[in-house]
Amino acid sequence: MSHPTPLNSVSYAARINFVVELAERLHAYGTTAQRLEGAISAVAHRLKLDCEPWSNPTGMILTFSDPQRPLGDSDTTRVIRLPPGETDLYRLAETDRIAEDVMAGRLGLAEAHAQMEQLDRPPTRRHRIMQVLAFGMAATAIAGVLRLPWLDIGVAGLNGLMIGLFVQMAEFQPTLKEALEAVTAMFAATVTLLVSAFIAPLNQNTVIIASLIVLLPGMALTNAMNELTSQHLVSGTARFAGAVTTVLKMAIGAAIALYIADLVDLHPQVRASRPQDQWVEWVALVVAAFAFAVLFRAQRRDYPKVMAAAAGGFLISRFGGQAFGSPAGIFLAALVLTAAGNAYARWWNRPGAIFRVPGIIMLVPGSTSLRGFLQLIQQQDVDAGQTALLAVLNILLSLIAGLLLGNLLLPARRNL
């Protein structure tokens, strides 16, 4: 059995390369700026490097120096351009494990590089099929949680499946990727309008939102506000602008479908109906929790934790909202899940994101923001969308308050 090379004998350049690769991976797997910078600084310190990281949603600047050399004698700066990251809990947990093993001396840098490279294996056909199915399950389940009629649930599920296919196609078509949100929103709205015009009435906007639920940037909005409150102003502002742009692209896609329907004199039938029994809501919640475990690419052994966190966040906000009001319910859910994530990271030495991210996914305000823009476009009246947009602000404030106080209640000992 080979022993890892001691860190004090590893070259300065090799230590820098390891920290850079680690930073790129944490960024790619959806880590927010404050957590990424904290994690990188901790690893660099253990590797006997001085590192000043600066992160934003589309890149990083990492400045290194060797504390054992004169100031300015060994300064190295890396400027890295990166696409916005996506949550990948399995790869995040594995990257965290590799970094911990390196810092503990159980793994050398060469072995760590080799293990991280193994994470870059292309997704299998089975993985892609599961992702598409998860899109359909998530859309179906959210429609069920909202207790929509069966036809509405079926239309949302069909739209979700097709949107999952669009997402897979976009990985090979850069032009489609740029317009993905607008194209999928236009598709979902068109199918919804056709069904409601020729088959039966639908809860039009709610079905469209349920169809698009996975692409809605509620998590990005929450992360942006979290970064702003932690004084990462550039990253938070950029992330917030990106989230708003995503919602606008979806609203534009839906608006194009509505405009074309009006041009061809299509008259969809709209209704407001929530007829399902309560058991449908409970079954849908389980399906939604499983779908998010798949979409967040969790390791199989973590599925029960991810599902429990997603369902727990929803249930706390639901019953807390019934008792104390909706903002208080969201606040309680965010507080409990943040503290639970910190406890998991502290006592199990694994990323708290495994609990924290799925726990708040069903609380985030993405659907409310899209509803506000759709009402604004459909009715051409600022007051029509004002209530929904104010609801977005209330949800964000409640979430941020819960995240902040959750970290105060049980401070995190780890950055991830």
Protein backbone atom coordinates (compact mmCIF):
# COMPACT_ATOMS: atom_id res chain seq x y z
CA MET A 1 0.00 0.00 0.00
CA SER A 2 1.47 3.35 -1.10
CA HIS A 3 1.66 6.23 1.33
CA PRO A 4 0.64 9.76 0.28
CA THR A 5 3.42 12.28 -0.28
CA PRO A 6 3.72 14.65 2.72
CA LEU A 7 2.24 18.05 1.96
CA ASN A 8 5.37 19.89 3.03
CA SER A 9 7.29 18.17 0.21
CA VAL A 10 4.72 18.91 -2.50
CA SER A 11 5.70 21.70 -4.89
CA TYR A 12 4.17 25.17 -4.65
CA ALA A 13 2.70 24.86 -8.17
CA ALA A 14 1.12 21.47 -7.40
CA ARG A 15 -0.61 22.85 -4.30
CA ILE A 16 -1.95 25.79 -6.31
CA ASN A 17 -3.24 23.48 -9.05
CA PHE A 18 -5.08 21.37 -6.50
CA VAL A 19 -6.79 24.38 -4.91
CA VAL A 20 -7.76 25.73 -8.34
CA GLU A 21 -9.27 22.42 -9.41
CA LEU A 22 -11.11 22.12 -6.11
CA ALA A 23 -12.51 25.65 -6.50
CA GLU A 24 -13.68 24.94 -10.05
CA ARG A 25 -15.48 21.81 -8.95
CA LEU A 26 -17.18 23.39 -5.94
CA HIS A 27 -18.36 26.20 -8.22
CA ALA A 28 -19.63 23.74 -10.83
CA TYR A 29 -21.60 21.80 -8.22
CA GLY A 30 -23.65 24.80 -7.11
CA THR A 31 -21.76 26.16 -4.07
CA THR A 32 -22.59 29.76 -3.14
CA ALA A 33 -19.87 32.41 -3.05
CA GLN A 34 -19.48 32.71 0.72
CA ARG A 35 -19.29 28.94 1.26
CA LEU A 36 -16.95 28.40 -1.69
CA GLU A 37 -14.57 31.13 -0.57
CA GLY A 38 -14.59 29.84 3.01
CA ALA A 39 -13.88 26.27 1.90
CA ILE A 40 -11.07 27.31 -0.45
CA SER A 41 -9.42 29.50 2.18
CA ALA A 42 -9.51 26.64 4.70
CA VAL A 43 -7.99 24.14 2.28
CA ALA A 44 -5.30 26.60 1.15
CA HIS A 45 -4.35 27.29 4.76
CA ARG A 46 -3.89 23.56 5.44
CA LEU A 47 -1.72 23.35 2.30
CA LYS A 48 0.47 26.20 3.63
CA LEU A 49 -0.75 28.68 1.03
CA ASP A 50 -2.04 32.21 1.40
CA CYS A 51 -5.11 32.47 -0.86
CA GLU A 52 -7.43 35.37 -1.50
CA PRO A 53 -10.46 34.00 -3.42
CA TRP A 54 -13.09 36.08 -5.17
CA SER A 55 -16.07 34.25 -6.62
CA ASN A 56 -19.10 35.21 -8.69
CA PRO A 57 -21.67 33.08 -10.56
CA THR A 58 -19.67 33.10 -13.81
CA GLY A 59 -16.06 33.02 -12.68
CA MET A 60 -13.39 33.29 -10.01
CA ILE A 61 -10.17 35.13 -9.25
CA LEU A 62 -7.74 33.26 -6.99
CA THR A 63 -4.56 34.97 -5.78
CA PHE A 64 -1.91 32.81 -4.12
CA SER A 65 1.32 33.44 -2.29
CA ASP A 66 3.77 31.31 -0.32
CA PRO A 67 3.96 32.53 3.29
CA GLN A 68 7.48 31.10 3.56
CA ARG A 69 8.78 33.43 0.82
CA PRO A 70 9.14 37.22 0.85
CA LEU A 71 5.96 39.18 0.15
CA GLY A 72 5.44 39.56 -3.59
CA ASP A 73 8.11 37.03 -4.49
CA SER A 74 5.71 34.15 -5.18
CA ASP A 75 2.41 35.83 -6.01
CA THR A 76 0.29 33.88 -8.51
CA THR A 77 -3.15 34.93 -9.78
CA ARG A 78 -5.59 32.70 -11.64
CA VAL A 79 -8.55 34.25 -13.47
CA ILE A 80 -11.10 31.54 -14.32
CA ARG A 81 -14.20 31.92 -16.51
CA LEU A 82 -16.90 29.37 -15.63
CA PRO A 83 -20.56 28.77 -16.49
CA PRO A 84 -23.07 29.04 -13.63
CA GLY A 85 -23.01 25.92 -11.49
CA GLU A 86 -25.80 23.39 -10.99
CA THR A 87 -26.55 21.48 -7.80
CA ASP A 88 -24.93 18.04 -7.87
CA LEU A 89 -25.03 16.58 -4.36
CA TYR A 90 -23.13 13.38 -5.17
CA ARG A 91 -20.17 15.13 -6.76
CA LEU A 92 -20.21 17.84 -4.09
CA ALA A 93 -20.05 15.20 -1.34
CA GLU A 94 -17.26 13.29 -3.10
CA THR A 95 -15.24 16.46 -3.71
CA ASP A 96 -15.67 17.39 -0.06
CA ARG A 97 -14.49 13.92 1.01
CA ILE A 98 -11.40 14.14 -1.20
CA ALA A 99 -10.51 17.57 0.21
CA GLU A 100 -10.95 16.30 3.76
CA ASP A 101 -8.71 13.30 3.05
CA VAL A 102 -6.02 15.56 1.60
CA MET A 103 -6.09 17.90 4.60
CA ALA A 104 -5.98 14.93 7.00
CA GLY A 105 -2.95 13.48 5.22
CA ARG A 106 -4.79 10.34 4.12
CA LEU A 107 -4.53 11.21 0.43
CA GLY A 108 -1.79 12.75 -1.67
CA LEU A 109 -2.43 15.44 -4.29
CA ALA A 110 -1.78 13.08 -7.21
CA GLU A 111 -4.25 10.54 -5.84
CA ALA A 112 -6.75 13.34 -5.14
CA HIS A 113 -6.48 14.58 -8.74
CA ALA A 114 -7.08 11.04 -10.01
CA GLN A 115 -10.17 10.59 -7.83
CA MET A 116 -11.61 13.95 -8.89
CA GLU A 117 -11.07 13.10 -12.55
CA GLN A 118 -13.19 10.00 -12.05
CA LEU A 119 -16.12 12.30 -11.26
CA ASP A 120 -15.99 13.62 -14.84
CA ARG A 121 -17.30 10.44 -16.41
CA PRO A 122 -20.03 11.33 -18.93
CA PRO A 123 -23.60 10.56 -17.82
CA THR A 124 -24.94 7.20 -18.89
CA ARG A 125 -28.11 6.70 -20.90
CA ARG A 126 -29.82 5.44 -17.75
CA HIS A 127 -28.86 8.64 -15.93
CA ARG A 128 -30.28 10.81 -18.73
CA ILE A 129 -33.52 8.82 -18.82
CA MET A 130 -33.88 9.18 -15.04
CA GLN A 131 -33.37 12.94 -15.33
CA VAL A 132 -36.10 13.22 -17.96
CA LEU A 133 -38.47 11.09 -15.90
CA ALA A 134 -37.67 13.20 -12.83
CA PHE A 135 -38.74 16.33 -14.70
CA GLY A 136 -42.07 14.69 -15.44
CA MET A 137 -42.46 13.38 -11.90
CA ALA A 138 -41.68 16.78 -10.38
CA ALA A 139 -44.22 18.57 -12.58
CA THR A 140 -46.86 15.91 -11.91
CA ALA A 141 -46.19 15.94 -8.17
CA ILE A 142 -46.31 19.73 -7.83
CA ALA A 143 -49.66 19.75 -9.65
CA GLY A 144 -50.80 17.05 -7.21
CA VAL A 145 -49.56 18.98 -4.18
CA LEU A 146 -51.63 21.91 -5.46
CA ARG A 147 -54.62 19.51 -5.63
CA LEU A 148 -55.38 20.27 -9.28
CA PRO A 149 -57.86 18.14 -11.29
CA TRP A 150 -56.57 14.96 -12.90
CA LEU A 151 -56.45 16.45 -16.40
CA ASP A 152 -54.38 19.36 -15.11
CA ILE A 153 -52.00 16.93 -13.40
CA GLY A 154 -51.66 14.89 -16.59
CA VAL A 155 -50.97 17.95 -18.76
CA ALA A 156 -48.36 19.24 -16.30
CA GLY A 157 -46.67 15.82 -16.21
CA LEU A 158 -46.59 15.57 -20.02
CA ASN A 159 -45.15 19.06 -20.27
CA GLY A 160 -42.56 18.19 -17.63
CA LEU A 161 -41.41 15.13 -19.55
CA MET A 162 -41.02 17.11 -22.76
CA ILE A 163 -39.17 19.88 -20.92
CA GLY A 164 -36.80 17.23 -19.56
CA LEU A 165 -36.12 16.16 -23.15
CA PHE A 166 -35.49 19.78 -24.15
CA VAL A 167 -32.98 20.10 -21.31
CA GLN A 168 -31.09 17.00 -22.47
CA MET A 169 -31.08 18.26 -26.06
CA ALA A 170 -29.77 21.65 -24.93
CA GLU A 171 -26.56 20.02 -23.65
CA PHE A 172 -25.63 19.33 -27.30
CA GLN A 173 -27.16 22.46 -28.86
CA PRO A 174 -25.62 25.73 -27.57
CA THR A 175 -28.18 27.88 -29.38
CA LEU A 176 -31.05 25.99 -27.76
CA LYS A 177 -29.38 26.29 -24.36
CA GLU A 178 -29.37 30.09 -24.57
CA ALA A 179 -33.11 30.21 -25.25
CA LEU A 180 -34.06 27.11 -23.24
CA GLU A 181 -36.30 28.83 -20.67
CA ALA A 182 -38.22 30.79 -23.32
CA VAL A 183 -38.65 27.75 -25.59
CA THR A 184 -39.84 25.46 -22.80
CA ALA A 185 -42.24 28.08 -21.44
CA MET A 186 -43.67 28.63 -24.91
CA PHE A 187 -44.08 24.87 -25.36
CA ALA A 188 -45.75 24.37 -21.98
CA ALA A 189 -48.08 27.31 -22.53
CA THR A 190 -49.00 26.14 -26.06
CA VAL A 191 -49.89 22.61 -24.91
CA THR A 192 -51.90 24.01 -21.99
CA LEU A 193 -53.80 26.42 -24.25
CA LEU A 194 -54.59 23.72 -26.82
CA VAL A 195 -55.89 21.29 -24.20
CA SER A 196 -58.00 23.95 -22.50
CA ALA A 197 -59.41 25.09 -25.85
CA PHE A 198 -60.25 21.69 -27.39
CA ILE A 199 -60.58 19.20 -24.52
CA ALA A 200 -61.59 20.72 -21.18
CA PRO A 201 -60.94 23.80 -19.01
CA LEU A 202 -57.67 23.99 -17.08
CA ASN A 203 -56.17 26.06 -14.28
CA GLN A 204 -54.13 27.73 -16.99
CA ASN A 205 -51.35 29.66 -15.21
CA THR A 206 -51.01 27.08 -12.44
CA VAL A 207 -50.53 24.25 -14.95
CA ILE A 208 -47.89 26.27 -16.82
CA ILE A 209 -46.04 27.00 -13.58
CA ALA A 210 -46.20 23.36 -12.42
CA SER A 211 -44.83 22.28 -15.81
CA LEU A 212 -41.85 24.64 -15.49
CA ILE A 213 -41.23 24.07 -11.78
CA VAL A 214 -37.77 22.51 -12.16
CA LEU A 215 -36.44 25.38 -14.30
CA LEU A 216 -37.78 28.15 -12.07
CA PRO A 217 -34.91 30.06 -10.40
CA GLY A 218 -36.27 30.13 -6.88
CA MET A 219 -33.09 28.62 -5.46
CA ALA A 220 -31.01 31.18 -7.36
CA LEU A 221 -33.11 34.01 -5.93
CA THR A 222 -32.65 32.65 -2.41
CA ASN A 223 -28.90 32.14 -2.87
CA ALA A 224 -28.60 35.65 -4.27
CA MET A 225 -30.25 37.20 -1.24
CA ASN A 226 -28.13 34.98 1.02
CA GLU A 227 -24.97 36.22 -0.66
CA LEU A 228 -26.09 39.83 -0.41
CA THR A 229 -26.76 39.51 3.31
CA SER A 230 -23.29 37.99 3.80
CA GLN A 231 -21.76 41.05 2.04
CA HIS A 232 -20.84 39.20 -1.15
CA LEU A 233 -22.42 42.05 -3.05
CA VAL A 234 -21.07 41.46 -6.55
CA SER A 235 -21.91 37.76 -6.57
CA GLY A 236 -25.33 38.32 -5.01
CA THR A 237 -26.22 41.07 -7.46
CA ALA A 238 -25.09 39.02 -10.45
CA ARG A 239 -26.98 35.94 -9.27
CA PHE A 240 -30.12 37.99 -8.61
CA ALA A 241 -29.92 39.53 -12.09
CA GLY A 242 -29.52 36.06 -13.60
CA ALA A 243 -32.55 34.73 -11.71
CA VAL A 244 -34.71 37.67 -12.76
CA THR A 245 -33.58 37.22 -16.37
CA THR A 246 -34.56 33.54 -16.25
CA VAL A 247 -38.06 34.43 -15.01
CA LEU A 248 -38.35 37.10 -17.72
CA LYS A 249 -37.38 34.59 -20.42
CA MET A 250 -40.06 32.20 -19.19
CA ALA A 251 -42.63 34.98 -19.08
CA ILE A 252 -41.68 36.01 -22.61
CA GLY A 253 -42.04 32.43 -23.88
CA ALA A 254 -45.48 32.08 -22.28
CA ALA A 255 -46.50 35.51 -23.58
CA ILE A 256 -45.58 34.51 -27.16
CA ALA A 257 -47.82 31.45 -26.88
CA LEU A 258 -50.68 33.58 -25.51
CA TYR A 259 -50.22 36.13 -28.29
CA ILE A 260 -50.25 33.49 -31.03
CA ALA A 261 -53.38 31.93 -29.51
CA ASP A 262 -55.05 35.33 -29.67
CA LEU A 263 -53.95 35.83 -33.29
CA VAL A 264 -55.47 32.52 -34.42
CA ASP A 265 -58.63 33.24 -32.43
CA LEU A 266 -58.08 30.38 -29.98
CA HIS A 267 -60.27 30.64 -26.89
CA PRO A 268 -58.92 28.53 -24.01
CA GLN A 269 -61.29 27.78 -21.14
CA VAL A 270 -59.87 28.79 -17.78
CA ARG A 271 -61.13 27.56 -14.41
CA ALA A 272 -60.05 27.70 -10.79
CA SER A 273 -60.61 24.27 -9.27
CA ARG A 274 -58.77 22.27 -6.57
CA PRO A 275 -60.96 19.16 -6.17
CA GLN A 276 -58.51 16.48 -5.05
CA ASP A 277 -58.75 14.59 -1.78
CA GLN A 278 -55.99 15.09 0.76
CA TRP A 279 -54.42 11.70 0.06
CA VAL A 280 -53.47 12.91 -3.43
CA GLU A 281 -51.48 15.73 -1.87
CA TRP A 282 -49.59 13.35 0.44
CA VAL A 283 -48.74 10.90 -2.35
CA ALA A 284 -47.66 13.80 -4.56
CA LEU A 285 -45.39 15.10 -1.81
CA VAL A 286 -43.54 11.75 -1.65
CA VAL A 287 -43.20 11.70 -5.46
CA ALA A 288 -41.93 15.30 -5.47
CA ALA A 289 -39.34 14.50 -2.79
CA PHE A 290 -38.08 11.52 -4.81
CA ALA A 291 -37.99 13.57 -8.03
CA PHE A 292 -35.86 16.26 -6.37
CA ALA A 293 -33.46 13.62 -5.03
CA VAL A 294 -32.94 12.48 -8.63
CA LEU A 295 -32.71 16.03 -10.02
CA PHE A 296 -30.18 17.06 -7.39
CA ARG A 297 -28.12 14.00 -8.39
CA ALA A 298 -27.86 12.71 -4.84
CA GLN A 299 -26.06 9.47 -4.08
CA ARG A 300 -28.48 6.59 -3.58
CA ARG A 301 -27.61 6.18 0.08
CA ASP A 302 -28.56 9.86 0.55
CA TYR A 303 -32.01 9.55 -1.05
CA PRO A 304 -33.81 9.05 2.31
CA LYS A 305 -32.09 12.15 3.75
CA VAL A 306 -32.84 14.29 0.70
CA MET A 307 -36.46 13.15 0.56
CA ALA A 308 -36.94 13.67 4.30
CA ALA A 309 -35.48 17.18 4.04
CA ALA A 310 -37.66 18.15 1.05
CA ALA A 311 -40.84 16.77 2.62
CA GLY A 312 -39.92 18.15 6.04
CA GLY A 313 -39.42 21.67 4.74
CA PHE A 314 -42.81 21.60 3.05
CA LEU A 315 -44.61 20.16 6.08
CA ILE A 316 -43.07 22.61 8.55
CA SER A 317 -43.99 25.56 6.34
CA ARG A 318 -47.46 24.13 5.77
CA PHE A 319 -48.43 23.52 9.40
CA GLY A 320 -46.43 26.47 10.69
CA GLY A 321 -48.23 28.65 8.19
CA GLN A 322 -51.61 27.35 9.31
CA ALA A 323 -50.76 28.16 12.92
CA PHE A 324 -48.85 31.45 12.61
CA GLY A 325 -49.28 32.69 9.04
CA SER A 326 -47.51 31.81 5.78
CA PRO A 327 -44.34 33.95 6.27
CA ALA A 328 -43.84 32.49 9.75
CA GLY A 329 -44.19 28.96 8.38
CA ILE A 330 -41.53 29.58 5.73
CA PHE A 331 -39.27 31.18 8.34
CA LEU A 332 -39.61 28.17 10.66
CA ALA A 333 -38.91 25.71 7.86
CA ALA A 334 -35.79 27.58 6.74
CA LEU A 335 -34.55 27.87 10.33
CA VAL A 336 -35.06 24.18 11.14
CA LEU A 337 -33.54 22.92 7.87
CA THR A 338 -30.53 25.23 8.11
CA ALA A 339 -29.84 24.08 11.67
CA ALA A 340 -30.36 20.44 10.61
CA GLY A 341 -27.89 20.86 7.74
CA ASN A 342 -25.31 22.39 10.05
CA ALA A 343 -25.83 19.58 12.57
CA TYR A 344 -25.39 16.95 9.86
CA ALA A 345 -22.19 18.62 8.64
CA ARG A 346 -20.87 18.96 12.20
CA TRP A 347 -21.55 15.44 13.44
CA TRP A 348 -21.31 13.36 10.26
CA ASN A 349 -18.55 15.43 8.62
CA ARG A 350 -20.36 15.59 5.29
CA PRO A 351 -21.77 18.59 3.36
CA GLY A 352 -24.78 20.15 5.09
CA ALA A 353 -26.11 20.94 1.60
CA ILE A 354 -27.45 17.37 1.52
CA PHE A 355 -30.11 18.53 4.00
CA ARG A 356 -30.16 22.28 3.44
CA VAL A 357 -30.68 22.50 -0.33
CA PRO A 358 -33.54 20.00 -0.72
CA GLY A 359 -35.07 21.30 2.50
CA ILE A 360 -35.74 24.76 1.11
CA ILE A 361 -36.43 23.82 -2.53
CA MET A 362 -40.21 23.70 -2.01
CA LEU A 363 -40.17 27.01 -0.15
CA VAL A 364 -38.42 29.13 -2.76
CA PRO A 365 -40.35 31.88 -4.56
CA GLY A 366 -39.75 30.97 -8.20
CA SER A 367 -43.34 29.96 -8.97
CA THR A 368 -44.73 33.08 -7.30
CA SER A 369 -42.44 35.36 -9.30
CA LEU A 370 -43.47 33.75 -12.61
CA ARG A 371 -47.14 33.99 -11.65
CA GLY A 372 -46.70 37.70 -11.00
CA PHE A 373 -45.13 38.31 -14.41
CA LEU A 374 -47.80 36.23 -16.19
CA GLN A 375 -50.60 38.19 -14.53
CA LEU A 376 -48.85 41.43 -15.42
CA ILE A 377 -48.53 40.42 -19.08
CA GLN A 378 -52.02 38.96 -19.42
CA GLN A 379 -53.89 41.83 -17.84
CA GLN A 380 -51.51 44.68 -18.81
CA ASP A 381 -52.08 46.13 -15.37
CA VAL A 382 -49.30 46.79 -12.87
CA ASP A 383 -51.68 46.21 -9.96
CA ALA A 384 -52.53 42.72 -11.28
CA GLY A 385 -49.03 41.38 -10.70
CA GLN A 386 -48.16 43.55 -7.75
CA THR A 387 -49.66 41.22 -5.14
CA ALA A 388 -47.74 38.20 -6.45
CA LEU A 389 -44.48 40.15 -6.71
CA LEU A 390 -44.89 41.42 -3.15
CA ALA A 391 -45.45 37.80 -2.10
CA VAL A 392 -42.03 36.99 -3.63
CA LEU A 393 -40.46 39.63 -1.40
CA ASN A 394 -42.23 38.25 1.67
CA ILE A 395 -41.06 34.71 0.91
CA LEU A 396 -37.47 35.87 0.32
CA LEU A 397 -37.43 37.85 3.56
CA SER A 398 -38.79 34.88 5.51
CA LEU A 399 -36.29 32.51 3.92
CA ILE A 400 -33.30 34.77 4.57
CA ALA A 401 -34.38 35.36 8.17
CA GLY A 402 -34.66 31.59 8.69
CA LEU A 403 -31.26 30.93 7.10
CA LEU A 404 -29.54 33.61 9.17
CA LEU A 405 -31.10 32.59 12.48
CA GLY A 406 -30.61 28.89 11.71
CA ASN A 407 -26.87 29.55 11.38
CA LEU A 408 -26.97 31.47 14.67
CA LEU A 409 -28.92 28.71 16.42
CA LEU A 410 -26.40 26.05 15.44
CA PRO A 411 -23.32 27.58 13.79
CA ALA A 412 -21.70 25.64 11.00
CA ARG A 413 -18.21 24.27 11.60
CA ARG A 414 -17.82 23.48 7.91
CA ASN A 415 -18.33 25.70 4.89
CA LEU A 416 -20.13 23.22 2.63
